[in-house]
Amino acid sequence: MAVLFGAQGAGNVFAYAPDFTKAKTATIDLSRLLEHEPDIDVWSEKGYHVDVIQDGRIKFTDVYFSYPTRSTRILHILTVGRRKLF
């Protein structure tokens, strides 16, 4: 009787084995992400700083986007100043 209950319990536990593997992999990926040191330190005071912002406008030129699996450009025209978006 004990062997039967033990076998049933083991079967129930092993049904979740793929989920255990996914959880372990996700934990490793999250740990790597949290411990990663980026190439650019946004909190550093070193480097070039903009002293004056002129006119407050941003100009985008040659902006486009396409999916890697498609050759069609999705976002090929973006002009904010003249109100022509996409």
PDB file of N, CA and C in Angstrom:
ATOM      1  N   MET A   1       0.823  -1.183   0.000  1.00  0.00           N
ATOM      2  CA  MET A   1       0.000   0.000   0.000  1.00  0.00           C
ATOM      3  C   MET A   1       0.875   1.258   0.000  1.00  0.00           C
ATOM      4  N   ALA A   2       1.926   1.248   0.818  1.00  0.00           N
ATOM      5  CA  ALA A   2       2.820   2.399   0.885  1.00  0.00           C
ATOM      6  C   ALA A   2       3.562   2.574  -0.434  1.00  0.00           C
ATOM      7  N   VAL A   3       3.932   1.471  -1.068  1.00  0.00           N
ATOM      8  CA  VAL A   3       4.618   1.541  -2.349  1.00  0.00           C
ATOM      9  C   VAL A   3       3.692   2.145  -3.402  1.00  0.00           C
ATOM     10  N   LEU A   4       2.431   1.786  -3.354  1.00  0.00           N
ATOM     11  CA  LEU A   4       1.452   2.308  -4.310  1.00  0.00           C
ATOM     12  C   LEU A   4       1.275   3.817  -4.151  1.00  0.00           C
ATOM     13  N   PHE A   5       1.150   4.276  -2.901  1.00  0.00           N
ATOM     14  CA  PHE A   5       1.011   5.713  -2.643  1.00  0.00           C
ATOM     15  C   PHE A   5       2.297   6.471  -3.012  1.00  0.00           C
ATOM     16  N   GLY A   6       3.433   5.850  -2.764  1.00  0.00           N
ATOM     17  CA  GLY A   6       4.711   6.466  -3.127  1.00  0.00           C
ATOM     18  C   GLY A   6       4.856   6.614  -4.629  1.00  0.00           C
ATOM     19  N   ALA A   7       4.466   5.596  -5.358  1.00  0.00           N
ATOM     20  CA  ALA A   7       4.546   5.644  -6.817  1.00  0.00           C
ATOM     21  C   ALA A   7       3.587   6.691  -7.376  1.00  0.00           C
ATOM     22  N   GLN A   8       2.407   6.793  -6.768  1.00  0.00           N
ATOM     23  CA  GLN A   8       1.442   7.794  -7.213  1.00  0.00           C
ATOM     24  C   GLN A   8       1.972   9.216  -6.930  1.00  0.00           C
ATOM     25  N   GLY A   9       2.559   9.419  -5.778  1.00  0.00           N
ATOM     26  CA  GLY A   9       3.139  10.721  -5.440  1.00  0.00           C
ATOM     27  C   GLY A   9       4.282  11.088  -6.361  1.00  0.00           C
ATOM     28  N   ALA A  10       5.143  10.119  -6.667  1.00  0.00           N
ATOM     29  CA  ALA A  10       6.261  10.374  -7.577  1.00  0.00           C
ATOM     30  C   ALA A  10       5.753  10.721  -8.972  1.00  0.00           C
ATOM     31  N   GLY A  11       4.725  10.064  -9.398  1.00  0.00           N
ATOM     32  CA  GLY A  11       4.135  10.367 -10.710  1.00  0.00           C
ATOM     33  C   GLY A  11       3.582  11.784 -10.760  1.00  0.00           C
ATOM     34  N   ASN A  12       2.954  12.214  -9.670  1.00  0.00           N
ATOM     35  CA  ASN A  12       2.430  13.575  -9.619  1.00  0.00           C
ATOM     36  C   ASN A  12       3.545  14.612  -9.645  1.00  0.00           C
ATOM     37  N   VAL A  13       4.641  14.341  -8.948  1.00  0.00           N
ATOM     38  CA  VAL A  13       5.763  15.278  -8.912  1.00  0.00           C
ATOM     39  C   VAL A  13       6.436  15.361 -10.274  1.00  0.00           C
ATOM     40  N   PHE A  14       6.658  14.233 -10.926  1.00  0.00           N
ATOM     41  CA  PHE A  14       7.339  14.234 -12.213  1.00  0.00           C
ATOM     42  C   PHE A  14       6.497  14.838 -13.330  1.00  0.00           C
ATOM     43  N   ALA A  15       5.202  14.983 -13.117  1.00  0.00           N
ATOM     44  CA  ALA A  15       4.361  15.652 -14.114  1.00  0.00           C
ATOM     45  C   ALA A  15       4.728  17.130 -14.229  1.00  0.00           C
ATOM     46  N   TYR A  16       5.305  17.694 -13.161  1.00  0.00           N
ATOM     47  CA  TYR A  16       5.689  19.099 -13.149  1.00  0.00           C
ATOM     48  C   TYR A  16       7.166  19.310 -13.507  1.00  0.00           C
ATOM     49  N   ALA A  17       7.870  18.297 -13.932  1.00  0.00           N
ATOM     50  CA  ALA A  17       9.299  18.407 -14.251  1.00  0.00           C
ATOM     51  C   ALA A  17       9.585  19.450 -15.338  1.00  0.00           C
ATOM     52  N   PRO A  18       8.808  19.520 -16.419  1.00  0.00           N
ATOM     53  CA  PRO A  18       9.077  20.579 -17.408  1.00  0.00           C
ATOM     54  C   PRO A  18       8.923  21.983 -16.817  1.00  0.00           C
ATOM     55  N   ASP A  19       7.968  22.160 -15.914  1.00  0.00           N
ATOM     56  CA  ASP A  19       7.780  23.461 -15.283  1.00  0.00           C
ATOM     57  C   ASP A  19       8.948  23.809 -14.374  1.00  0.00           C
ATOM     58  N   PHE A  20       9.503  22.814 -13.700  1.00  0.00           N
ATOM     59  CA  PHE A  20      10.675  23.051 -12.856  1.00  0.00           C
ATOM     60  C   PHE A  20      11.856  23.525 -13.708  1.00  0.00           C
ATOM     61  N   THR A  21      12.025  22.894 -14.871  1.00  0.00           N
ATOM     62  CA  THR A  21      13.108  23.263 -15.769  1.00  0.00           C
ATOM     63  C   THR A  21      12.929  24.688 -16.283  1.00  0.00           C
ATOM     64  N   LYS A  22      11.696  25.044 -16.659  1.00  0.00           N
ATOM     65  CA  LYS A  22      11.428  26.402 -17.135  1.00  0.00           C
ATOM     66  C   LYS A  22      11.677  27.426 -16.032  1.00  0.00           C
ATOM     67  N   ALA A  23      11.281  27.105 -14.822  1.00  0.00           N
ATOM     68  CA  ALA A  23      11.487  28.024 -13.694  1.00  0.00           C
ATOM     69  C   ALA A  23      12.972  28.209 -13.408  1.00  0.00           C
ATOM     70  N   LYS A  24      13.734  27.142 -13.486  1.00  0.00           N
ATOM     71  CA  LYS A  24      15.173  27.234 -13.247  1.00  0.00           C
ATOM     72  C   LYS A  24      15.846  28.079 -14.320  1.00  0.00           C
ATOM     73  N   THR A  25      15.478  27.869 -15.575  1.00  0.00           N
ATOM     74  CA  THR A  25      16.036  28.644 -16.678  1.00  0.00           C
ATOM     75  C   THR A  25      15.669  30.116 -16.538  1.00  0.00           C
ATOM     76  N   ALA A  26      14.425  30.407 -16.180  1.00  0.00           N
ATOM     77  CA  ALA A  26      13.999  31.791 -15.999  1.00  0.00           C
ATOM     78  C   ALA A  26      14.746  32.459 -14.858  1.00  0.00           C
ATOM     79  N   THR A  27      15.012  31.721 -13.793  1.00  0.00           N
ATOM     80  CA  THR A  27      15.764  32.261 -12.663  1.00  0.00           C
ATOM     81  C   THR A  27      17.195  32.604 -13.065  1.00  0.00           C
ATOM     82  N   ILE A  28      17.823  31.740 -13.839  1.00  0.00           N
ATOM     83  CA  ILE A  28      19.185  31.997 -14.313  1.00  0.00           C
ATOM     84  C   ILE A  28      19.212  33.223 -15.221  1.00  0.00           C
ATOM     85  N   ASP A  29      18.246  33.326 -16.153  1.00  0.00           N
ATOM     86  CA  ASP A  29      18.191  34.473 -17.060  1.00  0.00           C
ATOM     87  C   ASP A  29      17.956  35.774 -16.299  1.00  0.00           C
ATOM     88  N   LEU A  30      17.083  35.750 -15.316  1.00  0.00           N
ATOM     89  CA  LEU A  30      16.804  36.944 -14.527  1.00  0.00           C
ATOM     90  C   LEU A  30      18.015  37.353 -13.698  1.00  0.00           C
ATOM     91  N   SER A  31      18.706  36.386 -13.138  1.00  0.00           N
ATOM     92  CA  SER A  31      19.915  36.690 -12.371  1.00  0.00           C
ATOM     93  C   SER A  31      20.983  37.319 -13.254  1.00  0.00           C
ATOM     94  N   ARG A  32      21.158  36.800 -14.463  1.00  0.00           N
ATOM     95  CA  ARG A  32      22.131  37.381 -15.396  1.00  0.00           C
ATOM     96  C   ARG A  32      21.742  38.803 -15.769  1.00  0.00           C
ATOM     97  N   LEU A  33      20.456  39.045 -15.972  1.00  0.00           N
ATOM     98  CA  LEU A  33      19.991  40.372 -16.330  1.00  0.00           C
ATOM     99  C   LEU A  33      20.231  41.373 -15.207  1.00  0.00           C
ATOM    100  N   LEU A  34      19.958  40.980 -13.983  1.00  0.00           N
ATOM    101  CA  LEU A  34      20.122  41.878 -12.849  1.00  0.00           C
ATOM    102  C   LEU A  34      21.589  42.135 -12.510  1.00  0.00           C
ATOM    103  N   GLU A  35      22.463  41.181 -12.796  1.00  0.00           N
ATOM    104  CA  GLU A  35      23.883  41.330 -12.486  1.00  0.00           C
ATOM    105  C   GLU A  35      24.682  41.937 -13.642  1.00  0.00           C
ATOM    106  N   HIS A  36      24.055  42.145 -14.787  1.00  0.00           N
ATOM    107  CA  HIS A  36      24.742  42.679 -15.967  1.00  0.00           C
ATOM    108  C   HIS A  36      25.126  44.137 -15.757  1.00  0.00           C
ATOM    109  N   GLU A  37      26.359  44.472 -16.093  1.00  0.00           N
ATOM    110  CA  GLU A  37      26.818  45.855 -16.046  1.00  0.00           C
ATOM    111  C   GLU A  37      26.787  46.410 -17.468  1.00  0.00           C
ATOM    112  N   PRO A  38      25.969  47.442 -17.719  1.00  0.00           N
ATOM    113  CA  PRO A  38      25.850  47.971 -19.081  1.00  0.00           C
ATOM    114  C   PRO A  38      27.122  48.680 -19.533  1.00  0.00           C
ATOM    115  N   ASP A  39      27.301  48.780 -20.845  1.00  0.00           N
ATOM    116  CA  ASP A  39      28.464  49.452 -21.410  1.00  0.00           C
ATOM    117  C   ASP A  39      28.415  50.960 -21.161  1.00  0.00           C
ATOM    118  N   ILE A  40      27.212  51.526 -21.126  1.00  0.00           N
ATOM    119  CA  ILE A  40      27.047  52.959 -20.907  1.00  0.00           C
ATOM    120  C   ILE A  40      26.470  53.167 -19.513  1.00  0.00           C
ATOM    121  N   ASP A  41      27.181  53.931 -18.692  1.00  0.00           N
ATOM    122  CA  ASP A  41      26.726  54.219 -17.335  1.00  0.00           C
ATOM    123  C   ASP A  41      25.954  55.536 -17.356  1.00  0.00           C
ATOM    124  N   VAL A  42      24.628  55.480 -17.239  1.00  0.00           N
ATOM    125  CA  VAL A  42      23.808  56.680 -17.328  1.00  0.00           C
ATOM    126  C   VAL A  42      23.942  57.570 -16.098  1.00  0.00           C
ATOM    127  N   TRP A  43      24.463  57.057 -15.013  1.00  0.00           N
ATOM    128  CA  TRP A  43      24.605  57.843 -13.787  1.00  0.00           C
ATOM    129  C   TRP A  43      25.976  58.518 -13.685  1.00  0.00           C
ATOM    130  N   SER A  44      26.857  58.244 -14.624  1.00  0.00           N
ATOM    131  CA  SER A  44      28.199  58.810 -14.581  1.00  0.00           C
ATOM    132  C   SER A  44      28.177  60.289 -14.964  1.00  0.00           C
ATOM    133  N   GLU A  45      29.028  61.074 -14.344  1.00  0.00           N
ATOM    134  CA  GLU A  45      29.155  62.497 -14.650  1.00  0.00           C
ATOM    135  C   GLU A  45      30.192  62.742 -15.744  1.00  0.00           C
ATOM    136  N   LYS A  46      30.887  61.706 -16.179  1.00  0.00           N
ATOM    137  CA  LYS A  46      31.903  61.833 -17.216  1.00  0.00           C
ATOM    138  C   LYS A  46      31.240  61.923 -18.588  1.00  0.00           C
ATOM    139  N   GLY A  47      31.990  62.453 -19.538  1.00  0.00           N
ATOM    140  CA  GLY A  47      31.506  62.481 -20.908  1.00  0.00           C
ATOM    141  C   GLY A  47      30.975  63.826 -21.336  1.00  0.00           C
ATOM    142  N   TYR A  48      30.380  63.858 -22.528  1.00  0.00           N
ATOM    143  CA  TYR A  48      29.905  65.082 -23.143  1.00  0.00           C
ATOM    144  C   TYR A  48      28.521  65.449 -22.601  1.00  0.00           C
ATOM    145  N   HIS A  49      28.345  66.726 -22.272  1.00  0.00           N
ATOM    146  CA  HIS A  49      27.055  67.226 -21.794  1.00  0.00           C
ATOM    147  C   HIS A  49      26.586  68.354 -22.700  1.00  0.00           C
ATOM    148  N   VAL A  50      25.315  68.406 -22.973  1.00  0.00           N
ATOM    149  CA  VAL A  50      24.741  69.476 -23.786  1.00  0.00           C
ATOM    150  C   VAL A  50      24.487  70.670 -22.876  1.00  0.00           C
ATOM    151  N   ASP A  51      25.068  71.811 -23.231  1.00  0.00           N
ATOM    152  CA  ASP A  51      24.906  73.012 -22.415  1.00  0.00           C
ATOM    153  C   ASP A  51      23.630  73.771 -22.766  1.00  0.00           C
ATOM    154  N   VAL A  52      23.356  73.898 -24.049  1.00  0.00           N
ATOM    155  CA  VAL A  52      22.216  74.688 -24.498  1.00  0.00           C
ATOM    156  C   VAL A  52      21.410  73.869 -25.491  1.00  0.00           C
ATOM    157  N   ILE A  53      20.104  73.869 -25.306  1.00  0.00           N
ATOM    158  CA  ILE A  53      19.205  73.230 -26.265  1.00  0.00           C
ATOM    159  C   ILE A  53      18.601  74.345 -27.102  1.00  0.00           C
ATOM    160  N   GLN A  54      18.850  74.326 -28.386  1.00  0.00           N
ATOM    161  CA  GLN A  54      18.379  75.390 -29.264  1.00  0.00           C
ATOM    162  C   GLN A  54      17.046  75.027 -29.889  1.00  0.00           C
ATOM    163  N   ASP A  55      16.094  75.912 -29.768  1.00  0.00           N
ATOM    164  CA  ASP A  55      14.800  75.828 -30.448  1.00  0.00           C
ATOM    165  C   ASP A  55      13.905  74.699 -29.930  1.00  0.00           C
ATOM    166  N   GLY A  56      14.423  73.766 -29.200  1.00  0.00           N
ATOM    167  CA  GLY A  56      13.614  72.696 -28.625  1.00  0.00           C
ATOM    168  C   GLY A  56      13.016  71.742 -29.637  1.00  0.00           C
ATOM    169  N   ARG A  57      13.565  71.659 -30.828  1.00  0.00           N
ATOM    170  CA  ARG A  57      13.027  70.767 -31.868  1.00  0.00           C
ATOM    171  C   ARG A  57      13.970  69.589 -32.088  1.00  0.00           C
ATOM    172  N   ILE A  58      13.381  68.489 -32.478  1.00  0.00           N
ATOM    173  CA  ILE A  58      14.153  67.292 -32.804  1.00  0.00           C
ATOM    174  C   ILE A  58      13.882  66.950 -34.264  1.00  0.00           C
ATOM    175  N   LYS A  59      14.917  66.722 -35.025  1.00  0.00           N
ATOM    176  CA  LYS A  59      14.770  66.393 -36.433  1.00  0.00           C
ATOM    177  C   LYS A  59      15.221  64.959 -36.667  1.00  0.00           C
ATOM    178  N   PHE A  60      14.354  64.177 -37.271  1.00  0.00           N
ATOM    179  CA  PHE A  60      14.667  62.802 -37.623  1.00  0.00           C
ATOM    180  C   PHE A  60      14.927  62.740 -39.121  1.00  0.00           C
ATOM    181  N   THR A  61      16.014  62.108 -39.517  1.00  0.00           N
ATOM    182  CA  THR A  61      16.296  61.911 -40.935  1.00  0.00           C
ATOM    183  C   THR A  61      16.641  60.449 -41.175  1.00  0.00           C
ATOM    184  N   ASP A  62      16.199  59.959 -42.300  1.00  0.00           N
ATOM    185  CA  ASP A  62      16.462  58.572 -42.721  1.00  0.00           C
ATOM    186  C   ASP A  62      16.044  57.570 -41.656  1.00  0.00           C
ATOM    187  N   VAL A  63      14.827  57.710 -41.168  1.00  0.00           N
ATOM    188  CA  VAL A  63      14.308  56.795 -40.159  1.00  0.00           C
ATOM    189  C   VAL A  63      13.443  55.759 -40.863  1.00  0.00           C
ATOM    190  N   TYR A  64      13.742  54.512 -40.629  1.00  0.00           N
ATOM    191  CA  TYR A  64      12.896  53.454 -41.177  1.00  0.00           C
ATOM    192  C   TYR A  64      12.969  52.235 -40.275  1.00  0.00           C
ATOM    193  N   PHE A  65      12.007  51.362 -40.450  1.00  0.00           N
ATOM    194  CA  PHE A  65      11.943  50.130 -39.681  1.00  0.00           C
ATOM    195  C   PHE A  65      11.376  49.053 -40.573  1.00  0.00           C
ATOM    196  N   SER A  66      11.922  47.862 -40.456  1.00  0.00           N
ATOM    197  CA  SER A  66      11.355  46.709 -41.146  1.00  0.00           C
ATOM    198  C   SER A  66      11.615  45.470 -40.300  1.00  0.00           C
ATOM    199  N   TYR A  67      10.698  44.548 -40.401  1.00  0.00           N
ATOM    200  CA  TYR A  67      10.862  43.297 -39.671  1.00  0.00           C
ATOM    201  C   TYR A  67      11.939  42.448 -40.340  1.00  0.00           C
ATOM    202  N   PRO A  68      12.690  41.664 -39.571  1.00  0.00           N
ATOM    203  CA  PRO A  68      13.762  40.867 -40.171  1.00  0.00           C
ATOM    204  C   PRO A  68      13.276  39.860 -41.205  1.00  0.00           C
ATOM    205  N   THR A  69      12.040  39.413 -41.084  1.00  0.00           N
ATOM    206  CA  THR A  69      11.534  38.392 -41.997  1.00  0.00           C
ATOM    207  C   THR A  69      10.843  38.985 -43.220  1.00  0.00           C
ATOM    208  N   ARG A  70      10.707  40.343 -43.276  1.00  0.00           N
ATOM    209  CA  ARG A  70      10.028  40.976 -44.395  1.00  0.00           C
ATOM    210  C   ARG A  70      10.926  42.042 -45.009  1.00  0.00           C
ATOM    211  N   SER A  71      10.798  42.251 -46.298  1.00  0.00           N
ATOM    212  CA  SER A  71      11.613  43.261 -46.961  1.00  0.00           C
ATOM    213  C   SER A  71      10.912  44.613 -47.024  1.00  0.00           C
ATOM    214  N   THR A  72       9.630  44.685 -46.710  1.00  0.00           N
ATOM    215  CA  THR A  72       8.872  45.926 -46.770  1.00  0.00           C
ATOM    216  C   THR A  72       9.197  46.805 -45.583  1.00  0.00           C
ATOM    217  N   ARG A  73       9.467  48.081 -45.845  1.00  0.00           N
ATOM    218  CA  ARG A  73       9.713  49.035 -44.769  1.00  0.00           C
ATOM    219  C   ARG A  73       8.385  49.446 -44.153  1.00  0.00           C
ATOM    220  N   ILE A  74       8.318  49.395 -42.845  1.00  0.00           N
ATOM    221  CA  ILE A  74       7.091  49.723 -42.139  1.00  0.00           C
ATOM    222  C   ILE A  74       7.028  51.215 -41.857  1.00  0.00           C
ATOM    223  N   LEU A  75       8.075  51.762 -41.327  1.00  0.00           N
ATOM    224  CA  LEU A  75       8.128  53.156 -40.937  1.00  0.00           C
ATOM    225  C   LEU A  75       9.212  53.809 -41.789  1.00  0.00           C
ATOM    226  N   HIS A  76       8.815  54.429 -42.914  1.00  0.00           N
ATOM    227  CA  HIS A  76       9.818  54.967 -43.811  1.00  0.00           C
ATOM    228  C   HIS A  76       9.800  56.486 -43.903  1.00  0.00           C
ATOM    229  N   ILE A  77       8.741  57.160 -43.460  1.00  0.00           N
ATOM    230  CA  ILE A  77       8.707  58.617 -43.460  1.00  0.00           C
ATOM    231  C   ILE A  77       8.271  59.074 -42.073  1.00  0.00           C
ATOM    232  N   LEU A  78       9.053  59.952 -41.489  1.00  0.00           N
ATOM    233  CA  LEU A  78       8.706  60.500 -40.179  1.00  0.00           C
ATOM    234  C   LEU A  78       9.172  61.949 -40.149  1.00  0.00           C
ATOM    235  N   THR A  79       8.251  62.852 -40.308  1.00  0.00           N
ATOM    236  CA  THR A  79       8.567  64.268 -40.268  1.00  0.00           C
ATOM    237  C   THR A  79       7.661  64.913 -39.238  1.00  0.00           C
ATOM    238  N   VAL A  80       8.213  65.340 -38.132  1.00  0.00           N
ATOM    239  CA  VAL A  80       7.417  65.900 -37.050  1.00  0.00           C
ATOM    240  C   VAL A  80       7.139  67.376 -37.298  1.00  0.00           C
ATOM    241  N   GLY A  81       8.113  68.133 -37.800  1.00  0.00           N
ATOM    242  CA  GLY A  81       7.951  69.570 -37.995  1.00  0.00           C
ATOM    243  C   GLY A  81       6.843  69.920 -38.970  1.00  0.00           C
ATOM    244  N   ARG A  82       6.651  69.147 -40.013  1.00  0.00           N
ATOM    245  CA  ARG A  82       5.652  69.423 -41.029  1.00  0.00           C
ATOM    246  C   ARG A  82       4.381  68.609 -40.827  1.00  0.00           C
ATOM    247  N   ARG A  83       4.286  67.935 -39.716  1.00  0.00           N
ATOM    248  CA  ARG A  83       3.104  67.141 -39.344  1.00  0.00           C
ATOM    249  C   ARG A  83       2.820  65.988 -40.278  1.00  0.00           C
ATOM    250  N   LYS A  84       3.822  65.436 -40.895  1.00  0.00           N
ATOM    251  CA  LYS A  84       3.638  64.261 -41.743  1.00  0.00           C
ATOM    252  C   LYS A  84       4.212  63.080 -41.001  1.00  0.00           C
ATOM    253  N   LEU A  85       3.380  62.293 -40.406  1.00  0.00           N
ATOM    254  CA  LEU A  85       3.822  61.120 -39.647  1.00  0.00           C
ATOM    255  C   LEU A  85       3.476  59.868 -40.433  1.00  0.00           C
ATOM    256  N   PHE A  86       4.451  59.021 -40.599  1.00  0.00           N
ATOM    257  CA  PHE A  86       4.326  57.738 -41.284  1.00  0.00           C
ATOM    258  C   PHE A  86       3.993  58.015 -42.707  1.00  0.00           C
TER     259      PHE A  86
END
